[in-house]
Amino acid sequence: MVSVDDGSTDKTYEILEAAARQDASILAMSLSRDFGHQAGISAALDRVSGEAVVVMDGDLQDGPGVIPQFMKKWHKGFGVVYAKRV
């Protein structure tokens, strides 16, 4: 998992760093300032590898519980799966 803090002024990065020290599968990144949402996503995408990537905001508007639903669609052959708020 790659988590990117895009210049927040709270303790987000410190929390991410602590999690990364506890779990080697977590990579914590910090941008020097808020470059915007897309820059944070691009920074993360530059560091990931694998057959599939799940991009989610950390504000939990969409919880990680939806990932299995996304993966079911992906396994059925969908190239891109995304959430739609209703």
PDB file of N, CA and C in Angstrom:
ATOM      1  N   MET A   1       0.849  -1.176   0.000  1.00  0.00           N
ATOM      2  CA  MET A   1       0.000   0.000   0.000  1.00  0.00           C
ATOM      3  C   MET A   1       0.892   1.236   0.000  1.00  0.00           C
ATOM      4  N   VAL A   2       0.565   2.162  -0.847  1.00  0.00           N
ATOM      5  CA  VAL A   2       1.269   3.437  -0.901  1.00  0.00           C
ATOM      6  C   VAL A   2       0.305   4.508  -0.407  1.00  0.00           C
ATOM      7  N   SER A   3       0.736   5.263   0.592  1.00  0.00           N
ATOM      8  CA  SER A   3      -0.068   6.375   1.110  1.00  0.00           C
ATOM      9  C   SER A   3       0.718   7.661   0.912  1.00  0.00           C
ATOM     10  N   VAL A   4       0.034   8.666   0.374  1.00  0.00           N
ATOM     11  CA  VAL A   4       0.687   9.941   0.088  1.00  0.00           C
ATOM     12  C   VAL A   4       0.027  11.041   0.902  1.00  0.00           C
ATOM     13  N   ASP A   5       0.842  11.741   1.675  1.00  0.00           N
ATOM     14  CA  ASP A   5       0.379  12.933   2.382  1.00  0.00           C
ATOM     15  C   ASP A   5       0.761  14.120   1.509  1.00  0.00           C
ATOM     16  N   ASP A   6      -0.243  14.879   1.075  1.00  0.00           N
ATOM     17  CA  ASP A   6       0.032  15.972   0.139  1.00  0.00           C
ATOM     18  C   ASP A   6       0.065  17.323   0.836  1.00  0.00           C
ATOM     19  N   GLY A   7       0.968  17.430   1.785  1.00  0.00           N
ATOM     20  CA  GLY A   7       1.204  18.725   2.412  1.00  0.00           C
ATOM     21  C   GLY A   7       0.259  19.068   3.545  1.00  0.00           C
ATOM     22  N   SER A   8      -0.336  18.075   4.187  1.00  0.00           N
ATOM     23  CA  SER A   8      -1.253  18.384   5.285  1.00  0.00           C
ATOM     24  C   SER A   8      -0.488  19.007   6.451  1.00  0.00           C
ATOM     25  N   THR A   9      -1.200  19.713   7.287  1.00  0.00           N
ATOM     26  CA  THR A   9      -0.567  20.387   8.418  1.00  0.00           C
ATOM     27  C   THR A   9      -0.862  19.682   9.733  1.00  0.00           C
ATOM     28  N   ASP A  10      -1.533  18.554   9.668  1.00  0.00           N
ATOM     29  CA  ASP A  10      -1.776  17.783  10.890  1.00  0.00           C
ATOM     30  C   ASP A  10      -0.687  16.710  11.018  1.00  0.00           C
ATOM     31  N   LYS A  11      -0.936  15.669  11.728  1.00  0.00           N
ATOM     32  CA  LYS A  11       0.069  14.633  11.956  1.00  0.00           C
ATOM     33  C   LYS A  11      -0.108  13.422  11.029  1.00  0.00           C
ATOM     34  N   THR A  12      -0.723  13.643   9.880  1.00  0.00           N
ATOM     35  CA  THR A  12      -0.984  12.540   8.955  1.00  0.00           C
ATOM     36  C   THR A  12       0.286  11.792   8.594  1.00  0.00           C
ATOM     37  N   TYR A  13       1.324  12.502   8.200  1.00  0.00           N
ATOM     38  CA  TYR A  13       2.529  11.815   7.753  1.00  0.00           C
ATOM     39  C   TYR A  13       3.186  11.046   8.891  1.00  0.00           C
ATOM     40  N   GLU A  14       3.197  11.610  10.077  1.00  0.00           N
ATOM     41  CA  GLU A  14       3.781  10.903  11.213  1.00  0.00           C
ATOM     42  C   GLU A  14       3.039   9.596  11.480  1.00  0.00           C
ATOM     43  N   ILE A  15       1.716   9.624  11.339  1.00  0.00           N
ATOM     44  CA  ILE A  15       0.916   8.410  11.527  1.00  0.00           C
ATOM     45  C   ILE A  15       1.228   7.398  10.433  1.00  0.00           C
ATOM     46  N   LEU A  16       1.335   7.870   9.187  1.00  0.00           N
ATOM     47  CA  LEU A  16       1.675   6.979   8.080  1.00  0.00           C
ATOM     48  C   LEU A  16       3.066   6.365   8.259  1.00  0.00           C
ATOM     49  N   GLU A  17       4.023   7.180   8.683  1.00  0.00           N
ATOM     50  CA  GLU A  17       5.373   6.664   8.928  1.00  0.00           C
ATOM     51  C   GLU A  17       5.375   5.581   9.996  1.00  0.00           C
ATOM     52  N   ALA A  18       4.636   5.803  11.075  1.00  0.00           N
ATOM     53  CA  ALA A  18       4.558   4.810  12.155  1.00  0.00           C
ATOM     54  C   ALA A  18       3.953   3.509  11.638  1.00  0.00           C
ATOM     55  N   ALA A  19       2.916   3.619  10.810  1.00  0.00           N
ATOM     56  CA  ALA A  19       2.295   2.422  10.234  1.00  0.00           C
ATOM     57  C   ALA A  19       3.290   1.694   9.337  1.00  0.00           C
ATOM     58  N   ALA A  20       4.073   2.447   8.565  1.00  0.00           N
ATOM     59  CA  ALA A  20       5.054   1.840   7.658  1.00  0.00           C
ATOM     60  C   ALA A  20       6.161   1.128   8.435  1.00  0.00           C
ATOM     61  N   ARG A  21       6.520   1.658   9.587  1.00  0.00           N
ATOM     62  CA  ARG A  21       7.525   0.984  10.416  1.00  0.00           C
ATOM     63  C   ARG A  21       6.993  -0.341  10.953  1.00  0.00           C
ATOM     64  N   GLN A  22       5.680  -0.414  11.184  1.00  0.00           N
ATOM     65  CA  GLN A  22       5.059  -1.630  11.707  1.00  0.00           C
ATOM     66  C   GLN A  22       4.765  -2.661  10.629  1.00  0.00           C
ATOM     67  N   ASP A  23       4.596  -2.205   9.389  1.00  0.00           N
ATOM     68  CA  ASP A  23       4.158  -3.088   8.305  1.00  0.00           C
ATOM     69  C   ASP A  23       4.959  -2.761   7.052  1.00  0.00           C
ATOM     70  N   ALA A  24       5.814  -3.679   6.646  1.00  0.00           N
ATOM     71  CA  ALA A  24       6.696  -3.441   5.494  1.00  0.00           C
ATOM     72  C   ALA A  24       5.940  -3.304   4.180  1.00  0.00           C
ATOM     73  N   SER A  25       4.664  -3.676   4.145  1.00  0.00           N
ATOM     74  CA  SER A  25       3.897  -3.544   2.896  1.00  0.00           C
ATOM     75  C   SER A  25       3.353  -2.131   2.704  1.00  0.00           C
ATOM     76  N   ILE A  26       3.576  -1.257   3.673  1.00  0.00           N
ATOM     77  CA  ILE A  26       3.113   0.133   3.588  1.00  0.00           C
ATOM     78  C   ILE A  26       4.280   1.041   3.229  1.00  0.00           C
ATOM     79  N   LEU A  27       4.078   1.871   2.228  1.00  0.00           N
ATOM     80  CA  LEU A  27       5.047   2.909   1.875  1.00  0.00           C
ATOM     81  C   LEU A  27       4.382   4.251   2.136  1.00  0.00           C
ATOM     82  N   ALA A  28       4.994   5.052   2.993  1.00  0.00           N
ATOM     83  CA  ALA A  28       4.479   6.389   3.296  1.00  0.00           C
ATOM     84  C   ALA A  28       5.288   7.412   2.523  1.00  0.00           C
ATOM     85  N   MET A  29       4.589   8.278   1.814  1.00  0.00           N
ATOM     86  CA  MET A  29       5.234   9.341   1.051  1.00  0.00           C
ATOM     87  C   MET A  29       4.689  10.681   1.521  1.00  0.00           C
ATOM     88  N   SER A  30       5.534  11.708   1.465  1.00  0.00           N
ATOM     89  CA  SER A  30       5.103  13.050   1.837  1.00  0.00           C
ATOM     90  C   SER A  30       5.543  14.025   0.762  1.00  0.00           C
ATOM     91  N   LEU A  31       4.595  14.757   0.214  1.00  0.00           N
ATOM     92  CA  LEU A  31       4.929  15.812  -0.739  1.00  0.00           C
ATOM     93  C   LEU A  31       5.299  17.067   0.053  1.00  0.00           C
ATOM     94  N   SER A  32       6.159  17.886  -0.489  1.00  0.00           N
ATOM     95  CA  SER A  32       6.665  19.049   0.233  1.00  0.00           C
ATOM     96  C   SER A  32       5.591  20.100   0.503  1.00  0.00           C
ATOM     97  N   ARG A  33       4.522  20.054  -0.286  1.00  0.00           N
ATOM     98  CA  ARG A  33       3.396  20.961  -0.080  1.00  0.00           C
ATOM     99  C   ARG A  33       2.191  20.358  -0.785  1.00  0.00           C
ATOM    100  N   ASP A  34       1.062  21.008  -0.685  1.00  0.00           N
ATOM    101  CA  ASP A  34      -0.154  20.526  -1.343  1.00  0.00           C
ATOM    102  C   ASP A  34      -0.087  20.878  -2.822  1.00  0.00           C
ATOM    103  N   PHE A  35       0.268  19.880  -3.635  1.00  0.00           N
ATOM    104  CA  PHE A  35       0.329  20.076  -5.076  1.00  0.00           C
ATOM    105  C   PHE A  35      -1.001  19.755  -5.739  1.00  0.00           C
ATOM    106  N   GLY A  36      -1.960  19.280  -4.948  1.00  0.00           N
ATOM    107  CA  GLY A  36      -3.269  18.937  -5.472  1.00  0.00           C
ATOM    108  C   GLY A  36      -3.487  17.441  -5.521  1.00  0.00           C
ATOM    109  N   HIS A  37      -4.739  17.110  -5.579  1.00  0.00           N
ATOM    110  CA  HIS A  37      -5.200  15.722  -5.549  1.00  0.00           C
ATOM    111  C   HIS A  37      -4.521  14.854  -6.602  1.00  0.00           C
ATOM    112  N   GLN A  38      -4.494  15.314  -7.836  1.00  0.00           N
ATOM    113  CA  GLN A  38      -3.946  14.514  -8.927  1.00  0.00           C
ATOM    114  C   GLN A  38      -2.442  14.291  -8.777  1.00  0.00           C
ATOM    115  N   ALA A  39      -1.733  15.265  -8.255  1.00  0.00           N
ATOM    116  CA  ALA A  39      -0.289  15.101  -8.048  1.00  0.00           C
ATOM    117  C   ALA A  39      -0.014  14.013  -7.008  1.00  0.00           C
ATOM    118  N   GLY A  40      -0.840  13.949  -5.987  1.00  0.00           N
ATOM    119  CA  GLY A  40      -0.694  12.898  -4.985  1.00  0.00           C
ATOM    120  C   GLY A  40      -0.928  11.524  -5.583  1.00  0.00           C
ATOM    121  N   ILE A  41      -1.953  11.409  -6.406  1.00  0.00           N
ATOM    122  CA  ILE A  41      -2.236  10.141  -7.073  1.00  0.00           C
ATOM    123  C   ILE A  41      -1.082   9.777  -8.010  1.00  0.00           C
ATOM    124  N   SER A  42      -0.592  10.734  -8.775  1.00  0.00           N
ATOM    125  CA  SER A  42       0.519  10.471  -9.687  1.00  0.00           C
ATOM    126  C   SER A  42       1.767  10.014  -8.938  1.00  0.00           C
ATOM    127  N   ALA A  43       2.043  10.640  -7.795  1.00  0.00           N
ATOM    128  CA  ALA A  43       3.205  10.245  -6.991  1.00  0.00           C
ATOM    129  C   ALA A  43       3.070   8.795  -6.542  1.00  0.00           C
ATOM    130  N   ALA A  44       1.881   8.404  -6.130  1.00  0.00           N
ATOM    131  CA  ALA A  44       1.655   7.020  -5.694  1.00  0.00           C
ATOM    132  C   ALA A  44       1.768   6.060  -6.870  1.00  0.00           C
ATOM    133  N   LEU A  45       1.165   6.399  -7.996  1.00  0.00           N
ATOM    134  CA  LEU A  45       1.199   5.518  -9.162  1.00  0.00           C
ATOM    135  C   LEU A  45       2.615   5.302  -9.676  1.00  0.00           C
ATOM    136  N   ASP A  46       3.487   6.289  -9.467  1.00  0.00           N
ATOM    137  CA  ASP A  46       4.882   6.143  -9.865  1.00  0.00           C
ATOM    138  C   ASP A  46       5.607   5.075  -9.053  1.00  0.00           C
ATOM    139  N   ARG A  47       5.077   4.718  -7.889  1.00  0.00           N
ATOM    140  CA  ARG A  47       5.755   3.785  -6.990  1.00  0.00           C
ATOM    141  C   ARG A  47       5.128   2.397  -6.928  1.00  0.00           C
ATOM    142  N   VAL A  48       3.973   2.191  -7.526  1.00  0.00           N
ATOM    143  CA  VAL A  48       3.290   0.905  -7.400  1.00  0.00           C
ATOM    144  C   VAL A  48       3.610  -0.012  -8.580  1.00  0.00           C
ATOM    145  N   SER A  49       3.344  -1.287  -8.371  1.00  0.00           N
ATOM    146  CA  SER A  49       3.471  -2.259  -9.450  1.00  0.00           C
ATOM    147  C   SER A  49       2.417  -3.332  -9.220  1.00  0.00           C
ATOM    148  N   GLY A  50       2.180  -4.131 -10.220  1.00  0.00           N
ATOM    149  CA  GLY A  50       1.218  -5.207 -10.085  1.00  0.00           C
ATOM    150  C   GLY A  50       0.223  -5.189 -11.221  1.00  0.00           C
ATOM    151  N   GLU A  51      -0.692  -6.122 -11.171  1.00  0.00           N
ATOM    152  CA  GLU A  51      -1.690  -6.248 -12.231  1.00  0.00           C
ATOM    153  C   GLU A  51      -2.845  -5.262 -12.067  1.00  0.00           C
ATOM    154  N   ALA A  52      -3.107  -4.846 -10.845  1.00  0.00           N
ATOM    155  CA  ALA A  52      -4.232  -3.938 -10.590  1.00  0.00           C
ATOM    156  C   ALA A  52      -3.828  -2.926  -9.528  1.00  0.00           C
ATOM    157  N   VAL A  53      -4.399  -1.740  -9.626  1.00  0.00           N
ATOM    158  CA  VAL A  53      -4.161  -0.682  -8.653  1.00  0.00           C
ATOM    159  C   VAL A  53      -5.510  -0.136  -8.219  1.00  0.00           C
ATOM    160  N   VAL A  54      -5.683   0.041  -6.922  1.00  0.00           N
ATOM    161  CA  VAL A  54      -6.890   0.656  -6.379  1.00  0.00           C
ATOM    162  C   VAL A  54      -6.495   2.035  -5.864  1.00  0.00           C
ATOM    163  N   VAL A  55      -7.136   3.078  -6.371  1.00  0.00           N
ATOM    164  CA  VAL A  55      -6.864   4.448  -5.945  1.00  0.00           C
ATOM    165  C   VAL A  55      -8.032   4.904  -5.087  1.00  0.00           C
ATOM    166  N   MET A  56      -7.729   5.318  -3.855  1.00  0.00           N
ATOM    167  CA  MET A  56      -8.781   5.786  -2.939  1.00  0.00           C
ATOM    168  C   MET A  56      -8.278   6.993  -2.164  1.00  0.00           C
ATOM    169  N   ASP A  57      -9.167   7.914  -1.901  1.00  0.00           N
ATOM    170  CA  ASP A  57      -8.844   9.031  -1.027  1.00  0.00           C
ATOM    171  C   ASP A  57      -8.828   8.532   0.417  1.00  0.00           C
ATOM    172  N   GLY A  58      -8.007   9.155   1.218  1.00  0.00           N
ATOM    173  CA  GLY A  58      -7.896   8.763   2.621  1.00  0.00           C
ATOM    174  C   GLY A  58      -8.985   9.306   3.512  1.00  0.00           C
ATOM    175  N   ASP A  59      -9.917  10.086   2.962  1.00  0.00           N
ATOM    176  CA  ASP A  59     -10.961  10.678   3.795  1.00  0.00           C
ATOM    177  C   ASP A  59     -12.105   9.708   4.087  1.00  0.00           C
ATOM    178  N   LEU A  60     -12.010   8.504   3.543  1.00  0.00           N
ATOM    179  CA  LEU A  60     -12.969   7.423   3.766  1.00  0.00           C
ATOM    180  C   LEU A  60     -14.367   7.713   3.236  1.00  0.00           C
ATOM    181  N   GLN A  61     -14.490   8.623   2.264  1.00  0.00           N
ATOM    182  CA  GLN A  61     -15.785   8.781   1.609  1.00  0.00           C
ATOM    183  C   GLN A  61     -16.190   7.463   0.975  1.00  0.00           C
ATOM    184  N   ASP A  62     -15.217   6.772   0.419  1.00  0.00           N
ATOM    185  CA  ASP A  62     -15.399   5.401  -0.036  1.00  0.00           C
ATOM    186  C   ASP A  62     -14.496   4.556   0.847  1.00  0.00           C
ATOM    187  N   GLY A  63     -15.087   3.646   1.611  1.00  0.00           N
ATOM    188  CA  GLY A  63     -14.298   2.835   2.527  1.00  0.00           C
ATOM    189  C   GLY A  63     -13.600   1.690   1.825  1.00  0.00           C
ATOM    190  N   PRO A  64     -12.536   1.174   2.420  1.00  0.00           N
ATOM    191  CA  PRO A  64     -11.813   0.059   1.819  1.00  0.00           C
ATOM    192  C   PRO A  64     -12.656  -1.201   1.679  1.00  0.00           C
ATOM    193  N   GLY A  65     -13.792  -1.247   2.323  1.00  0.00           N
ATOM    194  CA  GLY A  65     -14.687  -2.393   2.198  1.00  0.00           C
ATOM    195  C   GLY A  65     -15.239  -2.599   0.800  1.00  0.00           C
ATOM    196  N   VAL A  66     -15.155  -1.587  -0.050  1.00  0.00           N
ATOM    197  CA  VAL A  66     -15.638  -1.734  -1.431  1.00  0.00           C
ATOM    198  C   VAL A  66     -14.605  -2.386  -2.348  1.00  0.00           C
ATOM    199  N   ILE A  67     -13.379  -2.516  -1.889  1.00  0.00           N
ATOM    200  CA  ILE A  67     -12.325  -3.076  -2.737  1.00  0.00           C
ATOM    201  C   ILE A  67     -12.677  -4.486  -3.227  1.00  0.00           C
ATOM    202  N   PRO A  68     -13.185  -5.386  -2.380  1.00  0.00           N
ATOM    203  CA  PRO A  68     -13.547  -6.715  -2.904  1.00  0.00           C
ATOM    204  C   PRO A  68     -14.595  -6.647  -4.022  1.00  0.00           C
ATOM    205  N   GLN A  69     -15.515  -5.708  -3.936  1.00  0.00           N
ATOM    206  CA  GLN A  69     -16.509  -5.545  -5.005  1.00  0.00           C
ATOM    207  C   GLN A  69     -15.828  -5.102  -6.299  1.00  0.00           C
ATOM    208  N   PHE A  70     -14.880  -4.189  -6.183  1.00  0.00           N
ATOM    209  CA  PHE A  70     -14.127  -3.743  -7.357  1.00  0.00           C
ATOM    210  C   PHE A  70     -13.362  -4.909  -7.965  1.00  0.00           C
ATOM    211  N   MET A  71     -12.725  -5.696  -7.110  1.00  0.00           N
ATOM    212  CA  MET A  71     -11.905  -6.803  -7.598  1.00  0.00           C
ATOM    213  C   MET A  71     -12.748  -7.868  -8.297  1.00  0.00           C
ATOM    214  N   LYS A  72     -13.966  -8.094  -7.837  1.00  0.00           N
ATOM    215  CA  LYS A  72     -14.850  -9.047  -8.515  1.00  0.00           C
ATOM    216  C   LYS A  72     -15.102  -8.604  -9.952  1.00  0.00           C
ATOM    217  N   LYS A  73     -15.356  -7.332 -10.136  1.00  0.00           N
ATOM    218  CA  LYS A  73     -15.575  -6.801 -11.491  1.00  0.00           C
ATOM    219  C   LYS A  73     -14.304  -6.930 -12.326  1.00  0.00           C
ATOM    220  N   TRP A  74     -13.171  -6.611 -11.721  1.00  0.00           N
ATOM    221  CA  TRP A  74     -11.907  -6.681 -12.436  1.00  0.00           C
ATOM    222  C   TRP A  74     -11.632  -8.124 -12.873  1.00  0.00           C
ATOM    223  N   HIS A  75     -11.880  -9.072 -11.977  1.00  0.00           N
ATOM    224  CA  HIS A  75     -11.672 -10.489 -12.315  1.00  0.00           C
ATOM    225  C   HIS A  75     -12.623 -10.956 -13.421  1.00  0.00           C
ATOM    226  N   LYS A  76     -13.756 -10.278 -13.578  1.00  0.00           N
ATOM    227  CA  LYS A  76     -14.688 -10.615 -14.667  1.00  0.00           C
ATOM    228  C   LYS A  76     -14.246 -10.020 -15.999  1.00  0.00           C
ATOM    229  N   GLY A  77     -13.168  -9.240 -15.988  1.00  0.00           N
ATOM    230  CA  GLY A  77     -12.633  -8.716 -17.234  1.00  0.00           C
ATOM    231  C   GLY A  77     -12.752  -7.220 -17.434  1.00  0.00           C
ATOM    232  N   PHE A  78     -13.352  -6.513 -16.486  1.00  0.00           N
ATOM    233  CA  PHE A  78     -13.433  -5.058 -16.615  1.00  0.00           C
ATOM    234  C   PHE A  78     -12.035  -4.466 -16.474  1.00  0.00           C
ATOM    235  N   GLY A  79     -11.656  -3.598 -17.389  1.00  0.00           N
ATOM    236  CA  GLY A  79     -10.345  -2.969 -17.346  1.00  0.00           C
ATOM    237  C   GLY A  79     -10.265  -1.834 -16.348  1.00  0.00           C
ATOM    238  N   VAL A  80     -11.376  -1.146 -16.159  1.00  0.00           N
ATOM    239  CA  VAL A  80     -11.452  -0.044 -15.207  1.00  0.00           C
ATOM    240  C   VAL A  80     -12.728  -0.206 -14.419  1.00  0.00           C
ATOM    241  N   VAL A  81     -12.624  -0.112 -13.099  1.00  0.00           N
ATOM    242  CA  VAL A  81     -13.775  -0.188 -12.210  1.00  0.00           C
ATOM    243  C   VAL A  81     -13.736   1.045 -11.326  1.00  0.00           C
ATOM    244  N   TYR A  82     -14.846   1.741 -11.206  1.00  0.00           N
ATOM    245  CA  TYR A  82     -14.872   2.930 -10.359  1.00  0.00           C
ATOM    246  C   TYR A  82     -16.185   3.038  -9.624  1.00  0.00           C
ATOM    247  N   ALA A  83     -16.164   3.791  -8.531  1.00  0.00           N
ATOM    248  CA  ALA A  83     -17.357   4.005  -7.725  1.00  0.00           C
ATOM    249  C   ALA A  83     -18.139   5.182  -8.292  1.00  0.00           C
ATOM    250  N   LYS A  84     -19.431   5.127  -8.133  1.00  0.00           N
ATOM    251  CA  LYS A  84     -20.313   6.221  -8.541  1.00  0.00           C
ATOM    252  C   LYS A  84     -21.230   6.524  -7.374  1.00  0.00           C
ATOM    253  N   ARG A  85     -21.186   7.746  -6.890  1.00  0.00           N
ATOM    254  CA  ARG A  85     -22.056   8.136  -5.782  1.00  0.00           C
ATOM    255  C   ARG A  85     -23.471   8.327  -6.291  1.00  0.00           C
ATOM    256  N   VAL A  86     -24.416   7.803  -5.573  1.00  0.00           N
ATOM    257  CA  VAL A  86     -25.823   7.977  -5.925  1.00  0.00           C
ATOM    258  C   VAL A  86     -26.561   8.644  -4.787  1.00  0.00           C
TER     259      VAL A  86
END
